[in-house]
Amino acid sequence: MQGIEKRKLISNQNQTMKNYFLSILFIVLSATLLPAQNLITDTTETTISFKIKNLGLNVEGSFSEFMVTANFEEQNLQNSYFNGIVVVKSIDTGINARDNHLKKEDYFHQEKFPEIQLTTDKLEQSKNDQYDFTGRLTIKGKTKMVKFPITIKNTGKSLMVKGNFEIDRLDFEVGESSWILKKKVKISIKYKGNFK
């Protein structure tokens, strides 16, 4: 009996050590895989807004809840990125009834797809403070490539990024084809990050 108990004790110790080393390995790999970021988002100066024509009139809106992870190395753009997550329920067009309608299944389907994501694939400088941003935009689980120009102002202490682009809402099944509501949506992004 003592031999059996001894073998069980050794087996348990081996399993404990194995779990310990796996935990250490997981922590090390996580630290390696997570991208470093050298910018802290200034939420008071960062805005995400949009504009669309409805019955011939411009309807403007914005999202008040978002998270941005960003890294900018002017001499090494391969390590630079601006990734954003927008919370759909924070949509604000100035009319509560319209906001609630936009959160429903036929538009953003907020319950199933609570977030909109924009992820950087490539950042290329065209001239001076002008850059071309290439990335992936995900809305309602559908991902499309987007490419648009951005301006980056670097003061050494902070970074101001501005960009505008246009999408077709039907590409993401946000609403249906309609002569009342146009399919083109203009999106404007203004980001300020302070260097750590």
Foldseek 3Di string as FASTA:
>chain_A
DVVVVVVVVVVVVVVVVVVVVVVVVVVVVVVVPDQDAFWDWDLVFKWKKKWWAFQNDIFIKTFSDKDWGFHDDPVCQVSTWIKMKTFLLRICRPDPVVSVVCCPDQAQVCVVWGIKIWTFDGWAADDDQKIKTWTWIDTQNDIDIDIWIWGWDCPPFKIKIKTKDKDFSVSNSGHDDDPRIHRIMIMIIIIMIGGD
